[in-house]
């Protein structure tokens, strides 16, 4: 009869351990899914930023070309570079 309290304690500890394992495993799985979602959002943002940079570079090149045309139209001449 001295073993009965020990067996009850062991069963309780085992049950609590199993419950904690189940709960934390579920939370960890949910956290991993959330992190994967954030990673995908970051990838999407990077793609959008690259597209915007490409667009801005094109607009700058176009503006530069337009300014060159205006300068040539008013008679500006290139000056020699010193350096």
N, C-alpha and C. Protein backbone atom coordinates (compact mmCIF):
# COMPACT_ATOMS: atom_id res chain seq x y z
N UNK A 1 0.79 -1.19 0.00
CA UNK A 1 0.00 0.00 0.00
C UNK A 1 0.84 1.26 0.00
N UNK A 2 2.10 1.17 0.29
CA UNK A 2 2.95 2.35 0.29
C UNK A 2 3.20 2.85 -1.14
N UNK A 3 2.97 2.00 -2.11
CA UNK A 3 3.23 2.38 -3.50
C UNK A 3 2.07 3.15 -4.15
N UNK A 4 0.89 3.06 -3.58
CA UNK A 4 -0.28 3.69 -4.17
C UNK A 4 -0.13 5.21 -4.30
N UNK A 5 0.28 5.96 -3.28
CA UNK A 5 0.46 7.42 -3.45
C UNK A 5 1.54 7.75 -4.48
N UNK A 6 2.58 6.95 -4.52
CA UNK A 6 3.64 7.17 -5.49
C UNK A 6 3.11 6.97 -6.91
N UNK A 7 2.32 5.94 -7.12
CA UNK A 7 1.74 5.68 -8.44
C UNK A 7 0.76 6.78 -8.84
N UNK A 8 -0.01 7.26 -7.89
CA UNK A 8 -0.95 8.34 -8.17
C UNK A 8 -0.18 9.61 -8.56
N UNK A 9 0.86 9.95 -7.82
CA UNK A 9 1.69 11.12 -8.14
C UNK A 9 2.34 10.98 -9.50
N UNK A 10 2.84 9.81 -9.82
CA UNK A 10 3.48 9.59 -11.11
C UNK A 10 2.47 9.73 -12.24
N UNK A 11 1.27 9.22 -12.05
CA UNK A 11 0.23 9.34 -13.07
C UNK A 11 -0.16 10.80 -13.26
N UNK A 12 -0.28 11.55 -12.19
CA UNK A 12 -0.64 12.97 -12.29
C UNK A 12 0.47 13.75 -13.00
N UNK A 13 1.70 13.49 -12.64
CA UNK A 13 2.82 14.19 -13.28
C UNK A 13 2.86 13.84 -14.77
N UNK A 14 2.63 12.58 -15.10
CA UNK A 14 2.60 12.18 -16.50
C UNK A 14 1.47 12.85 -17.27
N UNK A 15 0.29 12.93 -16.65
CA UNK A 15 -0.85 13.56 -17.31
C UNK A 15 -0.60 15.06 -17.53
N UNK A 16 -0.08 15.74 -16.52
CA UNK A 16 0.21 17.17 -16.65
C UNK A 16 1.30 17.39 -17.70
N UNK A 17 2.31 16.56 -17.72
CA UNK A 17 3.36 16.66 -18.72
C UNK A 17 2.82 16.47 -20.13
N UNK A 18 1.92 15.50 -20.30
CA UNK A 18 1.33 15.27 -21.61
C UNK A 18 0.48 16.46 -22.04
N UNK A 19 -0.27 17.03 -21.10
CA UNK A 19 -1.10 18.20 -21.41
C UNK A 19 -0.24 19.40 -21.80
N UNK A 20 0.81 19.63 -21.06
CA UNK A 20 1.72 20.75 -21.37
C UNK A 20 2.37 20.53 -22.74
N UNK A 21 2.78 19.33 -23.03
CA UNK A 21 3.37 19.02 -24.33
C UNK A 21 2.39 19.28 -25.46
N UNK A 22 1.14 18.86 -25.28
CA UNK A 22 0.12 19.07 -26.32
C UNK A 22 -0.12 20.55 -26.55
N UNK A 23 -0.27 21.31 -25.47
CA UNK A 23 -0.56 22.74 -25.60
C UNK A 23 0.60 23.48 -26.23
N UNK A 24 1.81 23.23 -25.78
CA UNK A 24 2.96 23.96 -26.33
C UNK A 24 3.23 23.55 -27.77
N UNK A 25 3.01 22.30 -28.11
CA UNK A 25 3.23 21.87 -29.49
C UNK A 25 2.25 22.57 -30.43
N UNK A 26 1.02 22.70 -30.00
CA UNK A 26 0.02 23.41 -30.80
C UNK A 26 0.39 24.88 -30.96
N UNK A 27 0.83 25.50 -29.87
CA UNK A 27 1.23 26.90 -29.93
C UNK A 27 2.45 27.10 -30.82
N UNK A 28 3.40 26.19 -30.73
CA UNK A 28 4.60 26.29 -31.57
C UNK A 28 4.23 26.13 -33.04
N UNK A 29 3.33 25.21 -33.35
CA UNK A 29 2.90 25.01 -34.72
C UNK A 29 2.20 26.27 -35.25
N UNK A 30 1.34 26.86 -34.43
CA UNK A 30 0.66 28.10 -34.84
C UNK A 30 1.66 29.23 -35.04
N UNK A 31 2.64 29.32 -34.17
CA UNK A 31 3.66 30.36 -34.28
C UNK A 31 4.48 30.19 -35.55
N UNK A 32 4.81 28.95 -35.90
CA UNK A 32 5.56 28.69 -37.13
C UNK A 32 4.74 29.11 -38.35
N UNK A 33 3.44 28.83 -38.34
CA UNK A 33 2.58 29.26 -39.46
C UNK A 33 2.55 30.77 -39.58
N UNK A 34 2.46 31.44 -38.44
CA UNK A 34 2.42 32.90 -38.45
C UNK A 34 3.74 33.47 -38.97
N UNK A 35 4.85 32.90 -38.57
CA UNK A 35 6.16 33.36 -39.04
C UNK A 35 6.29 33.13 -40.54
N UNK A 36 5.80 31.99 -41.03
CA UNK A 36 5.83 31.73 -42.48
C UNK A 36 5.00 32.76 -43.23
N UNK A 37 3.87 33.16 -42.67
CA UNK A 37 3.05 34.20 -43.29
C UNK A 37 3.77 35.53 -43.35
N UNK A 38 4.47 35.87 -42.27
CA UNK A 38 5.21 37.13 -42.24
C UNK A 38 6.35 37.09 -43.26
N UNK A 39 7.01 35.97 -43.36
CA UNK A 39 8.09 35.83 -44.36
C UNK A 39 7.56 36.04 -45.77
N UNK A 40 6.38 35.49 -46.06
CA UNK A 40 5.79 35.66 -47.38
C UNK A 40 5.44 37.12 -47.62
N UNK A 41 4.92 37.80 -46.61
CA UNK A 41 4.61 39.22 -46.75
C UNK A 41 5.88 40.03 -47.03
N UNK A 42 6.97 39.68 -46.37
CA UNK A 42 8.24 40.38 -46.60
C UNK A 42 8.71 40.14 -48.04
N UNK A 43 8.59 38.90 -48.53
CA UNK A 43 8.96 38.61 -49.92
C UNK A 43 8.13 39.45 -50.89
N UNK A 44 6.83 39.52 -50.63
CA UNK A 44 5.95 40.30 -51.50
C UNK A 44 6.33 41.77 -51.49
N UNK A 45 6.64 42.30 -50.30
CA UNK A 45 7.04 43.70 -50.20
C UNK A 45 8.35 43.96 -50.95
N UNK A 46 9.28 43.05 -50.86
CA UNK A 46 10.54 43.21 -51.59
C UNK A 46 10.30 43.27 -53.09
N UNK A 47 9.41 42.41 -53.58
CA UNK A 47 9.09 42.42 -55.01
C UNK A 47 8.47 43.75 -55.40
N UNK A 48 7.53 44.25 -54.57
CA UNK A 48 6.89 45.53 -54.87
C UNK A 48 7.91 46.68 -54.85
N UNK A 49 8.81 46.65 -53.88
CA UNK A 49 9.81 47.73 -53.78
C UNK A 49 10.73 47.70 -54.99
N UNK A 50 11.15 46.51 -55.42
CA UNK A 50 12.00 46.42 -56.61
C UNK A 50 11.28 46.99 -57.83
N UNK A 51 10.00 46.68 -57.97
CA UNK A 51 9.24 47.19 -59.10
C UNK A 51 9.14 48.71 -59.04
N UNK A 52 8.93 49.25 -57.85
CA UNK A 52 8.85 50.71 -57.70
C UNK A 52 10.19 51.37 -58.02
N UNK A 53 11.29 50.78 -57.54
CA UNK A 53 12.61 51.33 -57.85
C UNK A 53 12.86 51.33 -59.35
N UNK A 54 12.47 50.26 -60.02
CA UNK A 54 12.64 50.19 -61.46
C UNK A 54 11.84 51.29 -62.14
N UNK A 55 10.62 51.50 -61.67
CA UNK A 55 9.77 52.55 -62.23
C UNK A 55 10.38 53.93 -62.00
N UNK A 56 10.86 54.17 -60.79
CA UNK A 56 11.47 55.48 -60.47
C UNK A 56 12.73 55.70 -61.30
N UNK A 57 13.54 54.68 -61.47
CA UNK A 57 14.74 54.82 -62.29
C UNK A 57 14.38 55.17 -63.73
N UNK A 58 13.33 54.56 -64.26
CA UNK A 58 12.89 54.87 -65.61
C UNK A 58 12.41 56.30 -65.72
N UNK A 59 11.67 56.75 -64.72
CA UNK A 59 11.19 58.13 -64.73
C UNK A 59 12.34 59.13 -64.63
N UNK A 60 13.34 58.82 -63.83
CA UNK A 60 14.51 59.71 -63.71
C UNK A 60 15.26 59.76 -65.04
N UNK A 61 15.42 58.61 -65.68
CA UNK A 61 16.10 58.59 -66.98
C UNK A 61 15.32 59.41 -68.00
N UNK A 62 14.01 59.30 -67.98
CA UNK A 62 13.17 60.07 -68.90
C UNK A 62 13.29 61.56 -68.62
N UNK A 63 13.27 61.92 -67.35
CA UNK A 63 13.40 63.33 -66.97
C UNK A 63 14.77 63.87 -67.37
N UNK A 64 15.79 63.09 -67.19
CA UNK A 64 17.13 63.50 -67.57
C UNK A 64 17.21 63.74 -69.07
N UNK A 65 16.60 62.83 -69.83
CA UNK A 65 16.58 62.99 -71.28
C UNK A 65 15.81 64.25 -71.67
N UNK A 66 14.68 64.50 -71.03
CA UNK A 66 13.89 65.70 -71.33
C UNK A 66 14.69 66.96 -71.00
N UNK A 67 15.38 66.96 -69.88
CA UNK A 67 16.17 68.14 -69.50
C UNK A 67 17.32 68.38 -70.48
N UNK A 68 17.89 67.28 -70.96
CA UNK A 68 18.96 67.42 -71.96
C UNK A 68 18.40 68.05 -73.23
N UNK A 69 17.23 67.63 -73.65
CA UNK A 69 16.60 68.19 -74.85
C UNK A 69 16.30 69.68 -74.67
N UNK A 70 15.83 70.06 -73.48
CA UNK A 70 15.55 71.47 -73.21
C UNK A 70 16.84 72.27 -73.24
N UNK A 71 17.88 71.76 -72.63
CA UNK A 71 19.16 72.46 -72.60
C UNK A 71 19.71 72.65 -74.01
N UNK A 72 19.62 71.63 -74.83
CA UNK A 72 20.10 71.75 -76.20
C UNK A 72 19.25 72.73 -77.01
N UNK A 73 17.95 72.78 -76.70
CA UNK A 73 17.06 73.67 -77.43
C UNK A 73 17.36 75.14 -77.14
N UNK A 74 17.80 75.43 -75.93
CA UNK A 74 18.10 76.83 -75.59
C UNK A 74 19.55 77.19 -75.93
N UNK A 75 20.26 76.25 -76.46
CA UNK A 75 21.61 76.55 -76.95
C UNK A 75 22.73 76.28 -75.95
N UNK A 76 22.47 75.49 -74.95
CA UNK A 76 23.54 75.16 -74.00
C UNK A 76 24.54 74.22 -74.69
N UNK A 77 25.79 74.45 -74.38
CA UNK A 77 26.86 73.62 -74.94
C UNK A 77 27.55 72.87 -73.82
N UNK A 78 27.93 71.65 -74.07
CA UNK A 78 28.65 70.93 -73.01
C UNK A 78 29.98 71.59 -72.71
N UNK A 79 30.30 71.64 -71.43
CA UNK A 79 31.58 72.21 -71.02
C UNK A 79 32.55 71.06 -70.75
N UNK A 80 33.81 71.29 -71.07
CA UNK A 80 34.79 70.23 -70.85
C UNK A 80 34.92 69.92 -69.35
N UNK A 81 35.07 68.66 -69.06
CA UNK A 81 35.24 68.22 -67.68
C UNK A 81 36.69 68.38 -67.28
N UNK A 82 36.94 68.93 -66.13
CA UNK A 82 38.31 69.02 -65.63
C UNK A 82 38.45 68.09 -64.47
N UNK A 83 39.58 67.53 -64.35
CA UNK A 83 39.69 66.65 -63.21
C UNK A 83 40.87 65.85 -63.27
